[in-house]
Amino acid sequence: MSDGIEVEQMVESKPRRMPLATSLEKDSIREAYEDVRSDLTDTEWAVFKFDGAQIIVHGRGQCFEEFRQQFGDSERAFGYIRIQMGDEMSKRKKFIFLTWIGQEVGVIQRAKMSTDKALIKDVLNNFAVELQAGVEAELDIELFREALNRAGGANYGTGIRDN
C-alpha cells in the first residue's frame, strides 16, 4: 500500500500446467529401427512422432517420396532412413537420423527437442549422418546423398555405370 492506493495482488487459483516429461514407446520404436536396418526387409524408412508426451512409431515405408510426405509445418518428428550408396564397384547401405521441426512449431516445443532427441537416440543409435530439417525443400534425396558422401570420405568409381 503506497500513497493510499491499494494494490491487489492476483493469486492463481489453479496449479500451473507443467509440460510432461517425454517418454518413448521403446519396443515398437526398436522394432521399426531394426526393420529399417534389416537386409531381409524392403522397409527403407521409419518416422516417429509425438502422441501427447510420448514418441511413437508413426509410419514405415519404402519410397523416399512417401518419407517426405510424413512431415508437416506444425509438427515435431524424427526420421530414420536407409539409403543405398556407393558406386558400381561397391554398394552399401547408409543410415540417416533426421530431426524435423516444422516452421510453425512454437518456441517451447522447439526447445524440448534437444532432450527429446537424446531419448530417441538411445534406441536409434547407429547412423552415418544426423540432419535437421524444418522446410520441405530440405527433404531432398540428393541433399541426403551429399551429406552421406561428405561423411563417408573418398568416393571412387571406374567411370563405368551399371544399368
N, C-alpha and C. Protein backbone atom coordinates (compact mmCIF):
# COMPACT_ATOMS: atom_id res chain seq x y z
N MET A 1 0.85 -1.16 0.00
CA MET A 1 0.00 0.00 0.00
C MET A 1 0.90 1.23 0.00
N SER A 2 0.66 2.10 -0.98
CA SER A 2 1.51 3.27 -1.11
C SER A 2 0.67 4.43 -1.57
N ASP A 3 0.81 5.57 -0.91
CA ASP A 3 0.07 6.80 -1.22
C ASP A 3 -1.44 6.57 -1.25
N GLY A 4 -1.92 5.71 -0.39
CA GLY A 4 -3.35 5.50 -0.31
C GLY A 4 -3.92 4.65 -1.44
N ILE A 5 -3.07 4.18 -2.34
CA ILE A 5 -3.56 3.33 -3.43
C ILE A 5 -3.33 1.89 -3.03
N GLU A 6 -4.39 1.15 -3.07
CA GLU A 6 -4.28 -0.24 -2.70
C GLU A 6 -3.98 -1.08 -3.94
N VAL A 7 -2.95 -1.89 -3.85
CA VAL A 7 -2.57 -2.76 -4.97
C VAL A 7 -3.05 -4.16 -4.65
N GLU A 8 -3.86 -4.67 -5.52
CA GLU A 8 -4.38 -6.01 -5.32
C GLU A 8 -3.50 -6.99 -6.06
N GLN A 9 -3.10 -8.00 -5.34
CA GLN A 9 -2.23 -8.99 -5.96
C GLN A 9 -3.09 -10.14 -6.48
N MET A 10 -2.79 -10.53 -7.72
CA MET A 10 -3.52 -11.64 -8.33
C MET A 10 -2.95 -12.95 -7.79
N VAL A 11 -3.84 -13.80 -7.36
CA VAL A 11 -3.42 -15.10 -6.88
C VAL A 11 -3.99 -16.14 -7.85
N GLU A 12 -3.09 -16.96 -8.34
CA GLU A 12 -3.50 -18.00 -9.28
C GLU A 12 -4.17 -19.12 -8.49
N SER A 13 -5.41 -19.44 -8.84
CA SER A 13 -6.13 -20.46 -8.08
C SER A 13 -5.89 -21.87 -8.60
N LYS A 14 -5.48 -22.00 -9.87
CA LYS A 14 -5.23 -23.33 -10.44
C LYS A 14 -3.73 -23.58 -10.46
N PRO A 15 -3.35 -24.83 -10.29
CA PRO A 15 -1.92 -25.11 -10.42
C PRO A 15 -1.47 -24.89 -11.86
N ARG A 16 -0.26 -24.43 -12.00
CA ARG A 16 0.29 -24.17 -13.32
C ARG A 16 0.53 -25.49 -14.04
N ARG A 17 0.18 -25.54 -15.32
CA ARG A 17 0.38 -26.77 -16.11
C ARG A 17 1.84 -26.86 -16.54
N MET A 18 2.52 -27.86 -16.05
CA MET A 18 3.91 -28.06 -16.42
C MET A 18 3.96 -29.08 -17.56
N PRO A 19 4.88 -28.88 -18.49
CA PRO A 19 4.98 -29.85 -19.58
C PRO A 19 5.38 -31.22 -19.02
N LEU A 20 4.74 -32.24 -19.55
CA LEU A 20 5.04 -33.60 -19.12
C LEU A 20 6.38 -34.04 -19.70
N ALA A 21 7.05 -34.89 -18.98
CA ALA A 21 8.30 -35.46 -19.48
C ALA A 21 7.99 -36.38 -20.66
N THR A 22 8.82 -36.33 -21.65
CA THR A 22 8.63 -37.16 -22.84
C THR A 22 9.00 -38.60 -22.54
N SER A 23 8.20 -39.52 -23.07
CA SER A 23 8.50 -40.94 -22.94
C SER A 23 8.52 -41.56 -24.34
N LEU A 24 9.04 -42.78 -24.41
CA LEU A 24 9.13 -43.49 -25.68
C LEU A 24 8.31 -44.76 -25.64
N GLU A 25 7.76 -45.11 -26.78
CA GLU A 25 7.16 -46.42 -26.96
C GLU A 25 8.31 -47.31 -27.45
N LYS A 26 9.23 -47.65 -26.52
CA LYS A 26 10.54 -48.23 -26.86
C LYS A 26 10.49 -49.50 -27.70
N ASP A 27 9.62 -50.44 -27.36
CA ASP A 27 9.60 -51.72 -28.08
C ASP A 27 9.23 -51.54 -29.55
N SER A 28 8.19 -50.75 -29.82
CA SER A 28 7.77 -50.57 -31.21
C SER A 28 8.79 -49.70 -31.97
N ILE A 29 9.42 -48.75 -31.29
CA ILE A 29 10.45 -47.93 -31.94
C ILE A 29 11.65 -48.81 -32.29
N ARG A 30 12.07 -49.66 -31.36
CA ARG A 30 13.19 -50.56 -31.63
C ARG A 30 12.87 -51.51 -32.79
N GLU A 31 11.64 -52.01 -32.82
CA GLU A 31 11.23 -52.92 -33.90
C GLU A 31 11.28 -52.21 -35.26
N ALA A 32 10.80 -50.96 -35.32
CA ALA A 32 10.83 -50.20 -36.57
C ALA A 32 12.27 -49.91 -37.00
N TYR A 33 13.11 -49.56 -36.04
CA TYR A 33 14.53 -49.30 -36.29
C TYR A 33 15.21 -50.54 -36.87
N GLU A 34 14.97 -51.69 -36.27
CA GLU A 34 15.58 -52.93 -36.74
C GLU A 34 15.03 -53.33 -38.11
N ASP A 35 13.77 -53.01 -38.36
CA ASP A 35 13.15 -53.27 -39.66
C ASP A 35 13.87 -52.47 -40.76
N VAL A 36 14.15 -51.21 -40.51
CA VAL A 36 14.85 -50.37 -41.49
C VAL A 36 16.28 -50.89 -41.70
N ARG A 37 16.93 -51.31 -40.64
CA ARG A 37 18.33 -51.78 -40.72
C ARG A 37 18.47 -53.15 -41.39
N SER A 38 17.42 -53.94 -41.37
CA SER A 38 17.49 -55.32 -41.84
C SER A 38 17.63 -55.41 -43.37
N ASP A 39 18.52 -56.30 -43.81
CA ASP A 39 18.65 -56.60 -45.24
C ASP A 39 17.55 -57.56 -45.70
N LEU A 40 16.79 -58.08 -44.77
CA LEU A 40 15.76 -59.07 -45.09
C LEU A 40 14.40 -58.42 -45.36
N THR A 41 14.28 -57.11 -45.19
CA THR A 41 13.01 -56.42 -45.45
C THR A 41 13.23 -55.33 -46.49
N ASP A 42 12.13 -54.89 -47.07
CA ASP A 42 12.18 -53.80 -48.05
C ASP A 42 11.97 -52.43 -47.40
N THR A 43 11.76 -52.41 -46.10
CA THR A 43 11.50 -51.15 -45.39
C THR A 43 12.73 -50.26 -45.45
N GLU A 44 12.54 -49.05 -45.95
CA GLU A 44 13.66 -48.10 -46.10
C GLU A 44 13.62 -46.98 -45.08
N TRP A 45 12.46 -46.74 -44.47
CA TRP A 45 12.38 -45.63 -43.53
C TRP A 45 11.33 -45.89 -42.44
N ALA A 46 11.51 -45.15 -41.35
CA ALA A 46 10.51 -45.12 -40.27
C ALA A 46 10.44 -43.69 -39.78
N VAL A 47 9.25 -43.26 -39.39
CA VAL A 47 9.03 -41.91 -38.86
C VAL A 47 8.40 -42.05 -37.49
N PHE A 48 8.89 -41.22 -36.57
CA PHE A 48 8.45 -41.24 -35.18
C PHE A 48 7.91 -39.87 -34.82
N LYS A 49 6.68 -39.84 -34.28
CA LYS A 49 6.04 -38.57 -33.94
C LYS A 49 5.57 -38.59 -32.49
N PHE A 50 5.07 -37.45 -32.07
CA PHE A 50 4.60 -37.27 -30.71
C PHE A 50 3.10 -37.54 -30.62
N ASP A 51 2.74 -38.36 -29.66
CA ASP A 51 1.34 -38.58 -29.30
C ASP A 51 1.24 -38.07 -27.87
N GLY A 52 0.88 -36.80 -27.72
CA GLY A 52 0.96 -36.15 -26.41
C GLY A 52 2.42 -36.02 -26.04
N ALA A 53 2.79 -36.61 -24.90
CA ALA A 53 4.18 -36.55 -24.44
C ALA A 53 4.94 -37.83 -24.76
N GLN A 54 4.36 -38.69 -25.59
CA GLN A 54 5.02 -39.95 -25.93
C GLN A 54 5.42 -39.97 -27.39
N ILE A 55 6.65 -40.44 -27.65
CA ILE A 55 7.12 -40.62 -29.02
C ILE A 55 6.73 -42.02 -29.46
N ILE A 56 6.03 -42.09 -30.59
CA ILE A 56 5.53 -43.36 -31.11
C ILE A 56 5.97 -43.55 -32.57
N VAL A 57 5.82 -44.77 -33.06
CA VAL A 57 6.06 -45.04 -34.48
C VAL A 57 4.86 -44.50 -35.24
N HIS A 58 5.12 -43.59 -36.17
CA HIS A 58 4.04 -43.02 -36.97
C HIS A 58 3.86 -43.79 -38.27
N GLY A 59 4.96 -44.23 -38.86
CA GLY A 59 4.84 -44.96 -40.11
C GLY A 59 6.17 -45.53 -40.58
N ARG A 60 6.07 -46.44 -41.54
CA ARG A 60 7.24 -47.05 -42.18
C ARG A 60 6.92 -47.19 -43.65
N GLY A 61 7.98 -47.26 -44.46
CA GLY A 61 7.72 -47.42 -45.89
C GLY A 61 8.98 -47.66 -46.70
N GLN A 62 8.80 -47.57 -48.03
CA GLN A 62 9.88 -47.91 -48.94
C GLN A 62 10.29 -46.78 -49.87
N CYS A 63 9.46 -45.84 -50.13
CA CYS A 63 9.72 -44.82 -51.14
C CYS A 63 10.11 -43.49 -50.48
N PHE A 64 11.17 -42.85 -50.97
CA PHE A 64 11.61 -41.59 -50.39
C PHE A 64 10.50 -40.53 -50.47
N GLU A 65 9.74 -40.54 -51.55
CA GLU A 65 8.66 -39.55 -51.70
C GLU A 65 7.62 -39.71 -50.58
N GLU A 66 7.33 -40.94 -50.20
CA GLU A 66 6.41 -41.18 -49.08
C GLU A 66 7.02 -40.67 -47.77
N PHE A 67 8.33 -40.89 -47.60
CA PHE A 67 9.05 -40.40 -46.42
C PHE A 67 8.88 -38.90 -46.30
N ARG A 68 9.10 -38.18 -47.39
CA ARG A 68 8.99 -36.71 -47.41
C ARG A 68 7.61 -36.23 -46.96
N GLN A 69 6.59 -36.98 -47.31
CA GLN A 69 5.21 -36.56 -47.03
C GLN A 69 4.80 -36.75 -45.58
N GLN A 70 5.66 -37.33 -44.77
CA GLN A 70 5.32 -37.62 -43.37
C GLN A 70 5.46 -36.40 -42.46
N PHE A 71 6.06 -35.32 -42.95
CA PHE A 71 6.43 -34.20 -42.09
C PHE A 71 5.61 -32.95 -42.42
N GLY A 72 5.02 -32.33 -41.38
CA GLY A 72 4.20 -31.14 -41.58
C GLY A 72 4.81 -29.90 -40.91
N ASP A 73 4.34 -28.74 -41.33
CA ASP A 73 4.85 -27.46 -40.82
C ASP A 73 4.63 -27.25 -39.34
N SER A 74 3.61 -27.89 -38.77
CA SER A 74 3.31 -27.68 -37.35
C SER A 74 3.73 -28.87 -36.50
N GLU A 75 4.58 -29.74 -37.07
CA GLU A 75 4.94 -30.97 -36.36
C GLU A 75 6.41 -31.02 -35.96
N ARG A 76 6.64 -31.81 -34.90
CA ARG A 76 7.98 -32.22 -34.49
C ARG A 76 8.02 -33.72 -34.73
N ALA A 77 9.13 -34.21 -35.28
CA ALA A 77 9.21 -35.63 -35.58
C ALA A 77 10.67 -36.04 -35.76
N PHE A 78 10.87 -37.35 -35.85
CA PHE A 78 12.18 -37.92 -36.12
C PHE A 78 12.03 -38.91 -37.25
N GLY A 79 13.05 -39.02 -38.07
CA GLY A 79 13.03 -40.00 -39.15
C GLY A 79 14.31 -40.81 -39.14
N TYR A 80 14.20 -42.03 -39.61
CA TYR A 80 15.36 -42.91 -39.75
C TYR A 80 15.23 -43.53 -41.13
N ILE A 81 16.26 -43.33 -41.97
CA ILE A 81 16.14 -43.76 -43.36
C ILE A 81 17.41 -44.46 -43.84
N ARG A 82 17.19 -45.50 -44.63
CA ARG A 82 18.29 -46.26 -45.24
C ARG A 82 18.42 -45.80 -46.69
N ILE A 83 19.64 -45.47 -47.09
CA ILE A 83 19.90 -45.02 -48.45
C ILE A 83 21.06 -45.84 -49.01
N GLN A 84 20.86 -46.38 -50.22
CA GLN A 84 21.95 -47.14 -50.84
C GLN A 84 22.95 -46.16 -51.43
N MET A 85 24.20 -46.38 -51.06
CA MET A 85 25.29 -45.51 -51.51
C MET A 85 26.33 -46.35 -52.24
N GLY A 86 27.35 -45.66 -52.69
CA GLY A 86 28.45 -46.34 -53.35
C GLY A 86 28.40 -46.12 -54.84
N ASP A 87 29.15 -46.94 -55.52
CA ASP A 87 29.25 -46.83 -56.96
C ASP A 87 29.11 -48.23 -57.56
N GLU A 88 29.48 -48.34 -58.84
CA GLU A 88 29.33 -49.65 -59.49
C GLU A 88 30.25 -50.71 -58.90
N MET A 89 31.29 -50.29 -58.17
CA MET A 89 32.24 -51.25 -57.57
C MET A 89 31.81 -51.73 -56.18
N SER A 90 31.18 -50.86 -55.43
CA SER A 90 30.77 -51.27 -54.08
C SER A 90 29.51 -50.52 -53.66
N LYS A 91 28.47 -51.28 -53.46
CA LYS A 91 27.21 -50.69 -52.99
C LYS A 91 27.07 -51.00 -51.52
N ARG A 92 26.64 -50.01 -50.77
CA ARG A 92 26.44 -50.23 -49.34
C ARG A 92 25.29 -49.37 -48.84
N LYS A 93 24.68 -49.85 -47.78
CA LYS A 93 23.55 -49.13 -47.17
C LYS A 93 24.09 -48.20 -46.10
N LYS A 94 23.59 -46.96 -46.10
CA LYS A 94 23.95 -45.98 -45.08
C LYS A 94 22.65 -45.48 -44.46
N PHE A 95 22.77 -45.00 -43.23
CA PHE A 95 21.58 -44.59 -42.48
C PHE A 95 21.69 -43.15 -42.04
N ILE A 96 20.55 -42.46 -42.09
CA ILE A 96 20.46 -41.07 -41.66
C ILE A 96 19.42 -40.97 -40.55
N PHE A 97 19.77 -40.20 -39.52
CA PHE A 97 18.84 -39.85 -38.44
C PHE A 97 18.43 -38.40 -38.68
N LEU A 98 17.13 -38.16 -38.81
CA LEU A 98 16.60 -36.83 -39.11
C LEU A 98 15.77 -36.31 -37.95
N THR A 99 16.04 -35.06 -37.58
CA THR A 99 15.18 -34.35 -36.63
C THR A 99 14.40 -33.33 -37.44
N TRP A 100 13.08 -33.39 -37.34
CA TRP A 100 12.21 -32.46 -38.06
C TRP A 100 11.55 -31.52 -37.06
N ILE A 101 11.69 -30.22 -37.29
CA ILE A 101 10.97 -29.21 -36.51
C ILE A 101 10.34 -28.27 -37.52
N GLY A 102 9.03 -28.43 -37.74
CA GLY A 102 8.31 -27.62 -38.72
C GLY A 102 8.34 -26.14 -38.37
N GLN A 103 8.15 -25.32 -39.37
CA GLN A 103 8.25 -23.87 -39.23
C GLN A 103 7.22 -23.27 -38.26
N GLU A 104 6.10 -23.95 -38.06
CA GLU A 104 5.05 -23.41 -37.19
C GLU A 104 5.13 -23.93 -35.75
N VAL A 105 6.16 -24.70 -35.43
CA VAL A 105 6.32 -25.24 -34.07
C VAL A 105 6.74 -24.10 -33.14
N GLY A 106 6.10 -24.02 -31.97
CA GLY A 106 6.37 -22.96 -31.00
C GLY A 106 7.72 -23.09 -30.33
N VAL A 107 8.13 -22.02 -29.68
CA VAL A 107 9.47 -21.93 -29.11
C VAL A 107 9.70 -22.96 -27.98
N ILE A 108 8.70 -23.20 -27.15
CA ILE A 108 8.85 -24.16 -26.05
C ILE A 108 9.05 -25.57 -26.62
N GLN A 109 8.22 -25.93 -27.60
CA GLN A 109 8.34 -27.26 -28.21
C GLN A 109 9.68 -27.41 -28.95
N ARG A 110 10.14 -26.34 -29.57
CA ARG A 110 11.46 -26.37 -30.23
C ARG A 110 12.56 -26.65 -29.20
N ALA A 111 12.47 -25.96 -28.08
CA ALA A 111 13.49 -26.09 -27.03
C ALA A 111 13.52 -27.51 -26.47
N LYS A 112 12.37 -28.15 -26.36
CA LYS A 112 12.29 -29.51 -25.83
C LYS A 112 12.92 -30.55 -26.75
N MET A 113 13.09 -30.21 -28.02
CA MET A 113 13.56 -31.20 -28.98
C MET A 113 14.96 -31.73 -28.66
N SER A 114 15.81 -30.94 -28.05
CA SER A 114 17.16 -31.45 -27.77
C SER A 114 17.12 -32.58 -26.75
N THR A 115 16.30 -32.45 -25.71
CA THR A 115 16.19 -33.54 -24.73
C THR A 115 15.40 -34.72 -25.30
N ASP A 116 14.37 -34.42 -26.10
CA ASP A 116 13.58 -35.49 -26.73
C ASP A 116 14.45 -36.27 -27.72
N LYS A 117 15.31 -35.57 -28.44
CA LYS A 117 16.20 -36.24 -29.39
C LYS A 117 17.15 -37.17 -28.66
N ALA A 118 17.66 -36.75 -27.53
CA ALA A 118 18.58 -37.60 -26.75
C ALA A 118 17.89 -38.91 -26.35
N LEU A 119 16.60 -38.84 -26.02
CA LEU A 119 15.85 -40.05 -25.64
C LEU A 119 15.75 -41.04 -26.79
N ILE A 120 15.37 -40.56 -27.96
CA ILE A 120 15.16 -41.48 -29.08
C ILE A 120 16.49 -41.98 -29.64
N LYS A 121 17.55 -41.20 -29.48
CA LYS A 121 18.87 -41.64 -29.95
C LYS A 121 19.43 -42.78 -29.10
N ASP A 122 18.86 -43.01 -27.94
CA ASP A 122 19.24 -44.19 -27.16
C ASP A 122 18.81 -45.47 -27.87
N VAL A 123 17.75 -45.38 -28.67
CA VAL A 123 17.26 -46.54 -29.42
C VAL A 123 17.82 -46.51 -30.86
N LEU A 124 17.70 -45.37 -31.52
CA LEU A 124 18.19 -45.23 -32.90
C LEU A 124 19.65 -44.78 -32.84
N ASN A 125 20.53 -45.69 -32.54
CA ASN A 125 21.89 -45.27 -32.21
C ASN A 125 22.93 -45.59 -33.27
N ASN A 126 22.53 -46.06 -34.43
CA ASN A 126 23.51 -46.40 -35.45
C ASN A 126 23.14 -45.70 -36.76
N PHE A 127 23.87 -44.64 -37.09
CA PHE A 127 23.63 -43.89 -38.31
C PHE A 127 24.91 -43.18 -38.72
N ALA A 128 25.03 -42.92 -40.02
CA ALA A 128 26.23 -42.28 -40.55
C ALA A 128 26.15 -40.76 -40.43
N VAL A 129 24.94 -40.22 -40.59
CA VAL A 129 24.74 -38.77 -40.62
C VAL A 129 23.49 -38.42 -39.83
N GLU A 130 23.58 -37.29 -39.13
CA GLU A 130 22.42 -36.72 -38.44
C GLU A 130 22.10 -35.39 -39.09
N LEU A 131 20.85 -35.22 -39.50
CA LEU A 131 20.42 -33.98 -40.15
C LEU A 131 19.25 -33.37 -39.38
N GLN A 132 19.10 -32.07 -39.55
CA GLN A 132 17.92 -31.38 -39.02
C GLN A 132 17.27 -30.64 -40.17
N ALA A 133 15.95 -30.71 -40.23
CA ALA A 133 15.20 -30.04 -41.29
C ALA A 133 13.96 -29.40 -40.70
N GLY A 134 13.43 -28.41 -41.42
CA GLY A 134 12.23 -27.73 -40.97
C GLY A 134 11.36 -27.24 -42.11
N VAL A 135 11.87 -27.35 -43.34
CA VAL A 135 11.07 -26.98 -44.51
C VAL A 135 11.17 -28.11 -45.53
N GLU A 136 10.13 -28.26 -46.33
CA GLU A 136 10.03 -29.38 -47.26
C GLU A 136 11.22 -29.44 -48.23
N ALA A 137 11.74 -28.31 -48.65
CA ALA A 137 12.86 -28.29 -49.60
C ALA A 137 14.10 -28.99 -49.05
N GLU A 138 14.21 -29.07 -47.73
CA GLU A 138 15.36 -29.74 -47.11
C GLU A 138 15.22 -31.26 -47.14
N LEU A 139 14.04 -31.74 -47.47
CA LEU A 139 13.80 -33.19 -47.57
C LEU A 139 14.02 -33.60 -49.03
N ASP A 140 15.29 -33.62 -49.42
CA ASP A 140 15.68 -33.87 -50.80
C ASP A 140 16.68 -35.02 -50.81
N ILE A 141 16.40 -36.06 -51.57
CA ILE A 141 17.27 -37.24 -51.59
C ILE A 141 18.70 -36.88 -51.98
N GLU A 142 18.87 -35.93 -52.88
CA GLU A 142 20.23 -35.54 -53.30
C GLU A 142 20.98 -34.84 -52.17
N LEU A 143 20.29 -34.04 -51.37
CA LEU A 143 20.92 -33.41 -50.21
C LEU A 143 21.33 -34.48 -49.20
N PHE A 144 20.50 -35.49 -49.03
CA PHE A 144 20.81 -36.59 -48.11
C PHE A 144 22.04 -37.35 -48.61
N ARG A 145 22.07 -37.63 -49.92
CA ARG A 145 23.22 -38.36 -50.50
C ARG A 145 24.51 -37.55 -50.36
N GLU A 146 24.42 -36.24 -50.61
CA GLU A 146 25.60 -35.38 -50.46
C GLU A 146 26.13 -35.41 -49.03
N ALA A 147 25.23 -35.37 -48.06
CA ALA A 147 25.65 -35.42 -46.65
C ALA A 147 26.34 -36.75 -46.35
N LEU A 148 25.82 -37.84 -46.90
CA LEU A 148 26.43 -39.15 -46.70
C LEU A 148 27.80 -39.23 -47.38
N ASN A 149 27.91 -38.66 -48.58
CA ASN A 149 29.20 -38.65 -49.28
C ASN A 149 30.24 -37.87 -48.50
N ARG A 150 29.85 -36.70 -47.97
CA ARG A 150 30.79 -35.89 -47.18
C ARG A 150 31.25 -36.66 -45.93
N ALA A 151 30.33 -37.40 -45.33
CA ALA A 151 30.66 -38.13 -44.11
C ALA A 151 31.47 -39.40 -44.40
N GLY A 152 31.33 -39.92 -45.62
CA GLY A 152 31.92 -41.21 -45.92
C GLY A 152 33.31 -41.17 -46.50
N GLY A 153 33.85 -39.99 -46.76
CA GLY A 153 35.21 -39.92 -47.30
C GLY A 153 35.23 -40.11 -48.80
N ALA A 154 36.29 -40.75 -49.29
CA ALA A 154 36.52 -40.89 -50.73
C ALA A 154 35.39 -41.66 -51.39
N ASN A 155 35.10 -41.27 -52.62
CA ASN A 155 34.07 -41.93 -53.40
C ASN A 155 34.69 -42.31 -54.74
N TYR A 156 35.15 -43.55 -54.83
CA TYR A 156 35.85 -44.00 -56.02
C TYR A 156 34.88 -44.63 -57.00
N GLY A 157 35.27 -44.61 -58.25
CA GLY A 157 34.49 -45.26 -59.28
C GLY A 157 35.35 -45.52 -60.50
N THR A 158 34.87 -46.39 -61.37
CA THR A 158 35.64 -46.72 -62.57
C THR A 158 35.21 -45.86 -63.75
N GLY A 159 34.13 -45.12 -63.59
CA GLY A 159 33.60 -44.35 -64.70
C GLY A 159 32.63 -45.16 -65.53
N ILE A 160 32.47 -46.42 -65.21
CA ILE A 160 31.54 -47.29 -65.93
C ILE A 160 30.30 -47.46 -65.07
N ARG A 161 29.16 -47.21 -65.67
CA ARG A 161 27.89 -47.33 -64.92
C ARG A 161 27.25 -48.67 -65.22
N ASP A 162 26.66 -49.25 -64.19
CA ASP A 162 25.84 -50.44 -64.44
C ASP A 162 24.39 -49.99 -64.49
N ASN A 163 23.67 -50.48 -65.43
CA ASN A 163 22.28 -50.05 -65.59
C ASN A 163 21.31 -51.03 -65.06
